[in-house]
């Protein structure tokens, strides 16, 4: 799969504004500062597409990116960022849940986990939520370029242990080296074909 044309279709801040469209969707979810924006930019070969910030919690909306006029990549707000007021955290959670519960066009999720940190309690809750609703997902271990060789060898085992699931599919990814980009595009194709 090649991505040629990407444009921001809509940024949504309230559940009632989530658009109903004829296009299939694949979404990206993960805790704040996990590297979602960098991953989206790498996938699209457009480093001005999603705003990358050194401060967590900058994605406060659900962003719908129309790809080649055929499908959406959907960037969900990051979860688990403590320096945001509780009311804002609740708004993000409600927004994410509203999106995930009601999308018949949602074909799959990329669940991003920081490879240095491993799965957090919030990541585990998200995985259980996706399992409960039967939404297919692949785990993406971000920032693998920051791992030492020894950490890298045990990465997948550590993530499987953290998620308590030995059969979970994991893609190591780095926006810096572009490692994992081809595998992500392949999984994206699989989601859209299912």
N, C-alpha and C. Protein backbone atom coordinates (compact mmCIF):
# COMPACT_ATOMS: atom_id res chain seq x y z
N UNK A 1 0.83 -1.19 0.00
CA UNK A 1 0.00 0.00 0.00
C UNK A 1 0.88 1.25 0.00
N UNK A 2 0.48 2.23 -0.78
CA UNK A 2 1.15 3.52 -0.79
C UNK A 2 0.14 4.60 -0.46
N UNK A 3 0.56 5.53 0.38
CA UNK A 3 -0.29 6.66 0.72
C UNK A 3 0.22 7.86 -0.06
N UNK A 4 -0.66 8.46 -0.87
CA UNK A 4 -0.23 9.57 -1.71
C UNK A 4 -0.81 10.90 -1.26
N UNK A 5 -2.11 10.91 -0.98
CA UNK A 5 -2.78 12.17 -0.68
C UNK A 5 -3.46 12.07 0.68
N UNK A 6 -3.10 12.97 1.59
CA UNK A 6 -3.67 12.97 2.94
C UNK A 6 -4.16 14.38 3.25
N UNK A 7 -5.39 14.45 3.77
CA UNK A 7 -5.85 15.77 4.23
C UNK A 7 -6.69 15.62 5.48
N UNK A 8 -6.59 16.62 6.35
CA UNK A 8 -7.41 16.63 7.56
C UNK A 8 -8.85 16.89 7.13
N UNK A 9 -9.70 15.94 7.40
CA UNK A 9 -11.11 16.02 7.01
C UNK A 9 -11.92 16.75 8.09
N UNK A 10 -11.67 16.38 9.36
CA UNK A 10 -12.42 17.01 10.45
C UNK A 10 -11.73 16.77 11.78
N UNK A 11 -11.75 17.78 12.65
CA UNK A 11 -11.31 17.65 14.03
C UNK A 11 -12.56 17.73 14.90
N UNK A 12 -12.76 16.72 15.75
CA UNK A 12 -14.00 16.60 16.52
C UNK A 12 -13.70 16.73 18.01
N UNK A 13 -14.42 17.62 18.68
CA UNK A 13 -14.23 17.86 20.11
C UNK A 13 -15.38 17.34 20.97
N UNK A 14 -16.53 17.05 20.32
CA UNK A 14 -17.71 16.59 21.07
C UNK A 14 -18.27 15.34 20.40
N UNK A 15 -18.74 14.37 21.21
CA UNK A 15 -19.28 13.12 20.63
C UNK A 15 -20.34 13.35 19.57
N UNK A 16 -21.19 14.36 19.77
CA UNK A 16 -22.28 14.58 18.81
C UNK A 16 -21.79 15.09 17.46
N UNK A 17 -20.51 15.50 17.39
CA UNK A 17 -19.96 16.00 16.12
C UNK A 17 -19.19 14.93 15.33
N UNK A 18 -19.13 13.71 15.85
CA UNK A 18 -18.43 12.63 15.14
C UNK A 18 -19.17 12.37 13.82
N UNK A 19 -18.47 12.47 12.68
CA UNK A 19 -19.17 12.36 11.39
C UNK A 19 -19.54 10.92 11.03
N UNK A 20 -20.65 10.78 10.34
CA UNK A 20 -21.01 9.50 9.73
C UNK A 20 -20.63 9.63 8.25
N UNK A 21 -19.76 8.77 7.78
CA UNK A 21 -19.29 8.87 6.40
C UNK A 21 -19.35 7.49 5.73
N UNK A 22 -19.20 7.44 4.42
CA UNK A 22 -19.20 6.15 3.73
C UNK A 22 -17.84 5.44 3.75
N UNK A 23 -16.83 6.05 4.41
CA UNK A 23 -15.47 5.52 4.35
C UNK A 23 -15.14 4.61 5.52
N UNK A 24 -14.37 3.57 5.24
CA UNK A 24 -13.84 2.72 6.32
C UNK A 24 -12.77 3.48 7.08
N UNK A 25 -12.53 3.04 8.34
CA UNK A 25 -11.62 3.76 9.23
C UNK A 25 -10.69 2.80 9.95
N UNK A 26 -9.47 3.27 10.20
CA UNK A 26 -8.52 2.59 11.08
C UNK A 26 -8.04 3.66 12.06
N UNK A 27 -8.09 3.35 13.35
CA UNK A 27 -7.79 4.36 14.36
C UNK A 27 -6.49 4.06 15.10
N UNK A 28 -5.94 5.11 15.70
CA UNK A 28 -4.70 5.03 16.49
C UNK A 28 -5.01 5.51 17.89
N UNK A 29 -4.67 4.69 18.88
CA UNK A 29 -4.95 5.05 20.27
C UNK A 29 -3.73 4.71 21.12
N UNK A 30 -3.53 5.48 22.18
CA UNK A 30 -2.41 5.23 23.08
C UNK A 30 -2.33 6.35 24.10
N UNK A 31 -1.48 6.14 25.08
CA UNK A 31 -1.37 7.16 26.13
C UNK A 31 -0.70 8.42 25.56
N UNK A 32 -0.85 9.51 26.29
CA UNK A 32 -0.22 10.76 25.88
C UNK A 32 1.29 10.58 25.77
N UNK A 33 1.88 11.22 24.79
CA UNK A 33 3.33 11.20 24.58
C UNK A 33 3.89 9.85 24.12
N UNK A 34 3.02 9.00 23.54
CA UNK A 34 3.48 7.69 23.06
C UNK A 34 4.04 7.78 21.64
N UNK A 35 3.76 8.88 20.94
CA UNK A 35 4.29 9.05 19.59
C UNK A 35 3.28 8.85 18.49
N UNK A 36 1.99 9.07 18.77
CA UNK A 36 0.96 8.88 17.74
C UNK A 36 1.14 9.84 16.57
N UNK A 37 1.36 11.11 16.87
CA UNK A 37 1.49 12.10 15.80
C UNK A 37 2.70 11.79 14.92
N UNK A 38 3.82 11.43 15.54
CA UNK A 38 5.03 11.08 14.78
C UNK A 38 4.78 9.86 13.90
N UNK A 39 4.06 8.87 14.44
CA UNK A 39 3.75 7.67 13.67
C UNK A 39 2.88 8.02 12.47
N UNK A 40 1.84 8.81 12.68
CA UNK A 40 0.96 9.20 11.56
C UNK A 40 1.74 9.95 10.49
N UNK A 41 2.60 10.86 10.91
CA UNK A 41 3.41 11.62 9.96
C UNK A 41 4.33 10.70 9.16
N UNK A 42 4.92 9.71 9.82
CA UNK A 42 5.81 8.75 9.15
C UNK A 42 5.03 7.90 8.15
N UNK A 43 3.86 7.43 8.57
CA UNK A 43 3.03 6.61 7.67
C UNK A 43 2.66 7.38 6.41
N UNK A 44 2.29 8.65 6.60
CA UNK A 44 1.82 9.46 5.48
C UNK A 44 2.94 10.13 4.70
N UNK A 45 4.20 9.98 5.18
CA UNK A 45 5.33 10.68 4.56
C UNK A 45 5.08 12.18 4.50
N UNK A 46 4.47 12.69 5.56
CA UNK A 46 4.15 14.12 5.62
C UNK A 46 4.37 14.58 7.06
N UNK A 47 5.50 15.24 7.30
CA UNK A 47 5.87 15.56 8.67
C UNK A 47 5.24 16.85 9.18
N UNK A 48 4.28 17.39 8.40
CA UNK A 48 3.52 18.55 8.88
C UNK A 48 2.06 18.17 9.08
N UNK A 49 1.73 16.89 8.89
CA UNK A 49 0.34 16.45 8.96
C UNK A 49 -0.22 16.56 10.37
N UNK A 50 0.30 15.77 11.29
CA UNK A 50 -0.16 15.79 12.68
C UNK A 50 0.85 16.59 13.50
N UNK A 51 0.36 17.45 14.36
CA UNK A 51 1.24 18.32 15.14
C UNK A 51 1.97 17.51 16.21
N UNK A 52 3.29 17.54 16.16
CA UNK A 52 4.13 16.85 17.13
C UNK A 52 4.56 17.86 18.18
N UNK A 53 4.41 17.46 19.45
CA UNK A 53 4.77 18.37 20.54
C UNK A 53 5.61 17.64 21.57
N UNK A 54 6.50 18.36 22.22
CA UNK A 54 7.28 17.77 23.31
C UNK A 54 6.43 17.70 24.58
N UNK A 55 5.30 18.40 24.59
CA UNK A 55 4.40 18.37 25.74
C UNK A 55 3.28 17.37 25.48
N UNK A 56 3.07 16.40 26.39
CA UNK A 56 1.98 15.45 26.22
C UNK A 56 0.62 16.14 26.29
N UNK A 57 -0.38 15.48 25.71
CA UNK A 57 -1.75 15.96 25.84
C UNK A 57 -2.15 17.03 24.85
N UNK A 58 -1.41 17.18 23.75
CA UNK A 58 -1.73 18.22 22.78
C UNK A 58 -2.87 17.82 21.84
N UNK A 59 -3.04 16.52 21.57
CA UNK A 59 -4.15 16.09 20.73
C UNK A 59 -5.38 16.02 21.62
N UNK A 60 -6.26 17.01 21.46
CA UNK A 60 -7.44 17.09 22.32
C UNK A 60 -8.72 16.76 21.56
N UNK A 61 -8.56 16.47 20.28
CA UNK A 61 -9.72 16.16 19.45
C UNK A 61 -9.49 14.81 18.78
N UNK A 62 -10.58 14.28 18.20
CA UNK A 62 -10.45 13.14 17.30
C UNK A 62 -10.22 13.73 15.92
N UNK A 63 -9.09 13.40 15.30
CA UNK A 63 -8.75 13.94 13.99
C UNK A 63 -8.94 12.89 12.92
N UNK A 64 -9.78 13.21 11.95
CA UNK A 64 -10.06 12.32 10.83
C UNK A 64 -9.22 12.76 9.63
N UNK A 65 -8.31 11.90 9.19
CA UNK A 65 -7.47 12.18 8.02
C UNK A 65 -7.96 11.33 6.85
N UNK A 66 -8.37 11.97 5.78
CA UNK A 66 -8.83 11.26 4.59
C UNK A 66 -7.63 10.88 3.74
N UNK A 67 -7.51 9.58 3.45
CA UNK A 67 -6.36 9.04 2.73
C UNK A 67 -6.77 8.69 1.30
N UNK A 68 -6.15 9.37 0.35
CA UNK A 68 -6.37 9.11 -1.08
C UNK A 68 -7.85 9.08 -1.46
N UNK A 69 -8.68 9.80 -0.70
CA UNK A 69 -10.12 9.83 -0.98
C UNK A 69 -10.81 8.51 -0.79
N UNK A 70 -10.17 7.56 -0.03
CA UNK A 70 -10.70 6.19 0.08
C UNK A 70 -11.03 5.73 1.49
N UNK A 71 -10.28 6.18 2.48
CA UNK A 71 -10.51 5.73 3.86
C UNK A 71 -9.93 6.76 4.83
N UNK A 72 -10.27 6.58 6.11
CA UNK A 72 -9.77 7.48 7.15
C UNK A 72 -8.74 6.82 8.04
N UNK A 73 -7.71 7.57 8.38
CA UNK A 73 -6.89 7.27 9.55
C UNK A 73 -7.42 8.21 10.63
N UNK A 74 -7.70 7.66 11.80
CA UNK A 74 -8.33 8.43 12.86
C UNK A 74 -7.39 8.49 14.07
N UNK A 75 -7.02 9.71 14.44
CA UNK A 75 -6.11 9.95 15.56
C UNK A 75 -6.94 10.31 16.79
N UNK A 76 -6.93 9.41 17.79
CA UNK A 76 -7.70 9.64 19.01
C UNK A 76 -6.85 10.37 20.06
N UNK A 77 -7.47 11.16 20.94
CA UNK A 77 -6.68 11.85 21.97
C UNK A 77 -5.93 10.85 22.85
N UNK A 78 -4.75 11.25 23.31
CA UNK A 78 -3.99 10.41 24.21
C UNK A 78 -4.66 10.32 25.57
N UNK A 79 -4.47 9.19 26.24
CA UNK A 79 -5.07 9.04 27.57
C UNK A 79 -3.97 8.94 28.63
N UNK A 80 -4.37 9.15 29.87
CA UNK A 80 -3.46 8.94 30.99
C UNK A 80 -2.51 10.08 31.28
N UNK A 81 -2.78 11.29 30.77
CA UNK A 81 -1.89 12.41 31.05
C UNK A 81 -2.40 13.17 32.27
N UNK A 82 -1.63 13.15 33.35
CA UNK A 82 -2.08 13.64 34.66
C UNK A 82 -2.14 15.17 34.77
N UNK A 83 -1.41 15.90 33.95
CA UNK A 83 -1.34 17.35 34.12
C UNK A 83 -2.49 18.10 33.44
N UNK A 84 -3.50 17.36 33.07
CA UNK A 84 -4.70 17.96 32.49
C UNK A 84 -5.79 17.87 33.56
N UNK A 85 -6.63 18.89 33.71
CA UNK A 85 -7.70 18.81 34.72
C UNK A 85 -8.56 17.55 34.54
N UNK A 86 -9.08 17.04 35.66
CA UNK A 86 -9.90 15.82 35.62
C UNK A 86 -11.09 15.97 34.67
N UNK A 87 -11.66 17.17 34.62
CA UNK A 87 -12.81 17.38 33.74
C UNK A 87 -12.42 17.18 32.27
N UNK A 88 -11.20 17.63 31.92
CA UNK A 88 -10.72 17.46 30.54
C UNK A 88 -10.38 16.00 30.27
N UNK A 89 -9.78 15.31 31.25
CA UNK A 89 -9.50 13.88 31.09
C UNK A 89 -10.80 13.11 30.86
N UNK A 90 -11.85 13.46 31.61
CA UNK A 90 -13.14 12.78 31.46
C UNK A 90 -13.72 13.07 30.07
N UNK A 91 -13.59 14.32 29.61
CA UNK A 91 -14.11 14.68 28.28
C UNK A 91 -13.42 13.85 27.20
N UNK A 92 -12.08 13.70 27.31
CA UNK A 92 -11.35 12.88 26.33
C UNK A 92 -11.83 11.44 26.37
N UNK A 93 -11.97 10.91 27.61
CA UNK A 93 -12.40 9.51 27.76
C UNK A 93 -13.78 9.31 27.13
N UNK A 94 -14.71 10.22 27.43
CA UNK A 94 -16.06 10.12 26.86
C UNK A 94 -16.02 10.21 25.35
N UNK A 95 -15.17 11.09 24.83
CA UNK A 95 -15.04 11.26 23.38
C UNK A 95 -14.50 9.97 22.73
N UNK A 96 -13.46 9.41 23.31
CA UNK A 96 -12.87 8.16 22.79
C UNK A 96 -13.89 7.03 22.84
N UNK A 97 -14.57 6.89 23.99
CA UNK A 97 -15.56 5.80 24.13
C UNK A 97 -16.72 5.97 23.16
N UNK A 98 -17.18 7.21 22.99
CA UNK A 98 -18.28 7.45 22.05
C UNK A 98 -17.87 7.05 20.64
N UNK A 99 -16.64 7.36 20.29
CA UNK A 99 -16.16 6.99 18.96
C UNK A 99 -16.08 5.46 18.82
N UNK A 100 -15.41 4.80 19.76
CA UNK A 100 -15.15 3.37 19.63
C UNK A 100 -16.43 2.53 19.68
N UNK A 101 -17.41 2.97 20.47
CA UNK A 101 -18.64 2.17 20.64
C UNK A 101 -19.51 2.19 19.40
N UNK A 102 -19.53 3.30 18.69
CA UNK A 102 -20.55 3.44 17.66
C UNK A 102 -20.07 3.46 16.23
N UNK A 103 -18.96 2.82 15.92
CA UNK A 103 -18.41 2.94 14.57
C UNK A 103 -18.49 1.63 13.81
N UNK A 104 -19.49 1.47 12.96
CA UNK A 104 -19.56 0.25 12.16
C UNK A 104 -18.53 0.26 11.04
N UNK A 105 -17.97 1.41 10.72
CA UNK A 105 -16.94 1.51 9.68
C UNK A 105 -15.52 1.35 10.23
N UNK A 106 -15.39 1.21 11.55
CA UNK A 106 -14.07 1.03 12.18
C UNK A 106 -13.59 -0.39 11.93
N UNK A 107 -12.52 -0.54 11.18
CA UNK A 107 -12.03 -1.87 10.78
C UNK A 107 -10.92 -2.39 11.69
N UNK A 108 -10.26 -1.50 12.42
CA UNK A 108 -9.18 -1.96 13.30
C UNK A 108 -8.54 -0.80 14.04
N UNK A 109 -7.75 -1.17 15.04
CA UNK A 109 -7.07 -0.19 15.89
C UNK A 109 -5.59 -0.52 15.96
N UNK A 110 -4.77 0.49 15.91
CA UNK A 110 -3.37 0.36 16.28
C UNK A 110 -3.25 0.90 17.71
N UNK A 111 -2.95 0.01 18.65
CA UNK A 111 -2.79 0.37 20.06
C UNK A 111 -1.31 0.62 20.32
N UNK A 112 -0.95 1.89 20.52
CA UNK A 112 0.46 2.27 20.67
C UNK A 112 0.91 2.18 22.12
N UNK A 113 2.08 1.57 22.30
CA UNK A 113 2.69 1.41 23.62
C UNK A 113 4.13 1.88 23.53
N UNK A 114 4.57 2.67 24.48
CA UNK A 114 5.95 3.14 24.52
C UNK A 114 6.86 1.95 24.86
N UNK A 115 7.80 1.63 23.96
CA UNK A 115 8.64 0.44 24.15
C UNK A 115 9.54 0.55 25.38
N UNK A 116 9.87 1.77 25.81
CA UNK A 116 10.70 1.95 27.01
C UNK A 116 9.89 1.70 28.29
N UNK A 117 8.62 2.06 28.24
CA UNK A 117 7.76 1.98 29.42
C UNK A 117 7.03 0.64 29.51
N UNK A 118 6.63 0.10 28.37
CA UNK A 118 5.82 -1.11 28.35
C UNK A 118 4.36 -0.77 28.59
N UNK A 119 3.48 -1.77 28.60
CA UNK A 119 2.05 -1.51 28.80
C UNK A 119 1.78 -0.95 30.20
N UNK A 120 1.04 0.15 30.25
CA UNK A 120 0.64 0.74 31.52
C UNK A 120 -0.75 0.19 31.90
N UNK A 121 -1.20 0.54 33.08
CA UNK A 121 -2.54 0.13 33.53
C UNK A 121 -3.61 0.65 32.56
N UNK A 122 -3.42 1.88 32.07
CA UNK A 122 -4.39 2.46 31.11
C UNK A 122 -4.36 1.71 29.77
N UNK A 123 -3.17 1.27 29.34
CA UNK A 123 -3.07 0.48 28.10
C UNK A 123 -3.82 -0.84 28.27
N UNK A 124 -3.65 -1.45 29.44
CA UNK A 124 -4.32 -2.72 29.73
C UNK A 124 -5.84 -2.52 29.73
N UNK A 125 -6.30 -1.42 30.31
CA UNK A 125 -7.75 -1.13 30.29
C UNK A 125 -8.24 -0.96 28.86
N UNK A 126 -7.46 -0.28 28.02
CA UNK A 126 -7.86 -0.08 26.63
C UNK A 126 -7.92 -1.42 25.89
N UNK A 127 -6.92 -2.28 26.11
CA UNK A 127 -6.91 -3.60 25.49
C UNK A 127 -8.14 -4.41 25.90
N UNK A 128 -8.45 -4.38 27.20
CA UNK A 128 -9.63 -5.12 27.69
C UNK A 128 -10.90 -4.56 27.08
N UNK A 129 -10.96 -3.25 26.91
CA UNK A 129 -12.10 -2.60 26.31
C UNK A 129 -12.26 -3.05 24.86
N UNK A 130 -11.15 -3.06 24.11
CA UNK A 130 -11.19 -3.49 22.70
C UNK A 130 -11.59 -4.97 22.60
N UNK A 131 -11.06 -5.80 23.50
CA UNK A 131 -11.44 -7.22 23.53
C UNK A 131 -12.95 -7.36 23.78
N UNK A 132 -13.46 -6.60 24.76
CA UNK A 132 -14.87 -6.68 25.13
C UNK A 132 -15.77 -6.34 23.95
N UNK A 133 -15.41 -5.30 23.20
CA UNK A 133 -16.24 -4.88 22.07
C UNK A 133 -15.88 -5.58 20.76
N UNK A 134 -14.90 -6.48 20.81
CA UNK A 134 -14.55 -7.26 19.62
C UNK A 134 -13.94 -6.44 18.50
N UNK A 135 -13.20 -5.39 18.88
CA UNK A 135 -12.55 -4.55 17.86
C UNK A 135 -11.15 -5.10 17.61
N UNK A 136 -10.82 -5.49 16.37
CA UNK A 136 -9.48 -6.03 16.10
C UNK A 136 -8.40 -4.95 16.31
N UNK A 137 -7.26 -5.38 16.82
CA UNK A 137 -6.17 -4.43 17.07
C UNK A 137 -4.82 -5.10 16.93
N UNK A 138 -3.82 -4.26 16.70
CA UNK A 138 -2.41 -4.66 16.66
C UNK A 138 -1.69 -3.70 17.59
N UNK A 139 -0.77 -4.23 18.40
CA UNK A 139 0.01 -3.38 19.29
C UNK A 139 1.23 -2.86 18.54
N UNK A 140 1.48 -1.55 18.64
CA UNK A 140 2.66 -0.95 18.04
C UNK A 140 3.56 -0.46 19.17
N UNK A 141 4.77 -1.03 19.24
CA UNK A 141 5.76 -0.62 20.25
C UNK A 141 6.57 0.53 19.68
N UNK A 142 6.32 1.75 20.15
CA UNK A 142 6.95 2.94 19.58
C UNK A 142 8.32 3.21 20.20
N UNK A 143 9.07 4.07 19.53
CA UNK A 143 10.37 4.57 20.00
C UNK A 143 11.40 3.46 20.23
N UNK A 144 11.38 2.42 19.40
CA UNK A 144 12.32 1.30 19.59
C UNK A 144 13.77 1.71 19.35
N UNK A 145 13.98 2.83 18.65
CA UNK A 145 15.36 3.30 18.43
C UNK A 145 16.02 3.71 19.74
N UNK A 146 15.24 3.94 20.80
CA UNK A 146 15.80 4.36 22.09
C UNK A 146 16.17 3.18 22.99
N UNK A 147 15.89 1.96 22.53
CA UNK A 147 16.17 0.77 23.34
C UNK A 147 17.61 0.31 23.18
N UNK A 148 18.18 -0.21 24.25
CA UNK A 148 19.47 -0.90 24.17
C UNK A 148 19.21 -2.27 23.56
N UNK A 149 20.27 -2.90 23.05
CA UNK A 149 20.13 -4.19 22.37
C UNK A 149 19.48 -5.25 23.27
N UNK A 150 19.89 -5.28 24.52
CA UNK A 150 19.34 -6.26 25.46
C UNK A 150 17.84 -6.03 25.69
N UNK A 151 17.45 -4.75 25.82
CA UNK A 151 16.03 -4.42 26.00
C UNK A 151 15.24 -4.79 24.75
N UNK A 152 15.86 -4.58 23.61
CA UNK A 152 15.20 -4.85 22.33
C UNK A 152 14.88 -6.33 22.18
N UNK A 153 15.81 -7.19 22.61
CA UNK A 153 15.60 -8.64 22.48
C UNK A 153 14.40 -9.11 23.30
N UNK A 154 14.15 -8.45 24.43
CA UNK A 154 13.07 -8.88 25.32
C UNK A 154 11.79 -8.08 25.15
N UNK A 155 11.78 -7.17 24.19
CA UNK A 155 10.66 -6.25 24.02
C UNK A 155 9.32 -6.95 23.87
N UNK A 156 9.22 -7.83 22.88
CA UNK A 156 7.93 -8.46 22.59
C UNK A 156 7.47 -9.34 23.75
N UNK A 157 8.41 -10.04 24.36
CA UNK A 157 8.08 -10.88 25.52
C UNK A 157 7.53 -10.02 26.67
N UNK A 158 8.16 -8.87 26.90
CA UNK A 158 7.74 -7.97 27.98
C UNK A 158 6.33 -7.40 27.71
N UNK A 159 6.07 -7.06 26.46
CA UNK A 159 4.74 -6.52 26.11
C UNK A 159 3.68 -7.61 26.25
N UNK A 160 3.98 -8.81 25.79
CA UNK A 160 3.01 -9.92 25.92
C UNK A 160 2.71 -10.20 27.39
N UNK A 161 3.75 -10.18 28.22
CA UNK A 161 3.55 -10.38 29.66
C UNK A 161 2.69 -9.26 30.24
N UNK A 162 2.99 -8.02 29.85
CA UNK A 162 2.24 -6.87 30.35
C UNK A 162 0.77 -6.93 29.99
N UNK A 163 0.47 -7.42 28.79
CA UNK A 163 -0.91 -7.54 28.34
C UNK A 163 -1.54 -8.88 28.70
N UNK A 164 -0.73 -9.78 29.29
CA UNK A 164 -1.21 -11.13 29.65
C UNK A 164 -1.83 -11.84 28.43
N UNK A 165 -1.10 -11.75 27.31
CA UNK A 165 -1.60 -12.34 26.07
C UNK A 165 -0.40 -12.75 25.21
N UNK A 166 -0.23 -14.06 25.03
CA UNK A 166 0.92 -14.57 24.27
C UNK A 166 0.74 -14.51 22.77
N UNK A 167 -0.50 -14.32 22.31
CA UNK A 167 -0.72 -14.36 20.86
C UNK A 167 -0.92 -12.97 20.26
N UNK A 168 -0.73 -11.94 21.06
CA UNK A 168 -0.93 -10.57 20.59
C UNK A 168 0.09 -10.22 19.50
N UNK A 169 -0.37 -9.55 18.44
CA UNK A 169 0.53 -9.16 17.36
C UNK A 169 1.20 -7.84 17.72
N UNK A 170 2.53 -7.77 17.60
CA UNK A 170 3.30 -6.58 17.99
C UNK A 170 4.17 -6.13 16.82
N UNK A 171 4.14 -4.83 16.55
CA UNK A 171 5.02 -4.25 15.52
C UNK A 171 5.96 -3.26 16.19
N UNK A 172 7.27 -3.55 16.24
CA UNK A 172 8.23 -2.55 16.73
C UNK A 172 8.31 -1.40 15.72
N UNK A 173 8.30 -0.16 16.23
CA UNK A 173 8.24 0.99 15.34
C UNK A 173 9.14 2.12 15.84
N UNK A 174 9.74 2.83 14.87
CA UNK A 174 10.50 4.05 15.18
C UNK A 174 10.23 5.08 14.09
N UNK A 175 9.76 6.25 14.49
CA UNK A 175 9.55 7.31 13.49
C UNK A 175 10.91 7.88 13.05
N UNK A 176 11.91 7.72 13.90
CA UNK A 176 13.24 8.24 13.57
C UNK A 176 13.91 7.41 12.47
N UNK A 177 13.89 6.08 12.61
CA UNK A 177 14.54 5.20 11.62
C UNK A 177 13.56 4.67 10.57
N UNK A 178 12.25 4.88 10.82
CA UNK A 178 11.17 4.37 9.96
C UNK A 178 11.01 2.86 10.04
N UNK A 179 11.67 2.24 10.99
CA UNK A 179 11.48 0.80 11.19
C UNK A 179 10.02 0.53 11.50
N UNK A 180 9.46 -0.49 10.88
CA UNK A 180 8.08 -0.89 11.14
C UNK A 180 7.06 -0.24 10.22
N UNK A 181 7.47 0.76 9.44
CA UNK A 181 6.50 1.46 8.57
C UNK A 181 5.86 0.50 7.56
N UNK A 182 6.68 -0.31 6.90
CA UNK A 182 6.14 -1.24 5.90
C UNK A 182 5.18 -2.25 6.53
N UNK A 183 5.52 -2.73 7.72
CA UNK A 183 4.64 -3.68 8.42
C UNK A 183 3.32 -3.01 8.81
N UNK A 184 3.40 -1.75 9.22
CA UNK A 184 2.17 -1.02 9.56
C UNK A 184 1.27 -0.86 8.34
N UNK A 185 1.87 -0.51 7.21
CA UNK A 185 1.08 -0.35 5.99
C UNK A 185 0.43 -1.67 5.58
N UNK A 186 1.15 -2.77 5.79
CA UNK A 186 0.61 -4.10 5.48
C UNK A 186 -0.59 -4.42 6.38
N UNK A 187 -0.44 -4.14 7.69
CA UNK A 187 -1.54 -4.37 8.63
C UNK A 187 -2.72 -3.46 8.33
N UNK A 188 -2.42 -2.24 7.92
CA UNK A 188 -3.47 -1.30 7.54
C UNK A 188 -4.29 -1.87 6.38
N UNK A 189 -3.59 -2.43 5.39
CA UNK A 189 -4.28 -3.08 4.25
C UNK A 189 -5.15 -4.23 4.73
N UNK A 190 -4.61 -5.04 5.65
CA UNK A 190 -5.39 -6.19 6.18
C UNK A 190 -6.65 -5.72 6.88
N UNK A 191 -6.52 -4.67 7.70
CA UNK A 191 -7.71 -4.14 8.39
C UNK A 191 -8.76 -3.71 7.37
N UNK A 192 -8.33 -2.97 6.36
CA UNK A 192 -9.28 -2.40 5.39
C UNK A 192 -9.92 -3.47 4.51
N UNK A 193 -9.22 -4.58 4.32
CA UNK A 193 -9.77 -5.66 3.50
C UNK A 193 -10.71 -6.56 4.28
N UNK A 194 -10.65 -6.50 5.61
CA UNK A 194 -11.49 -7.42 6.42
C UNK A 194 -12.94 -6.99 6.46
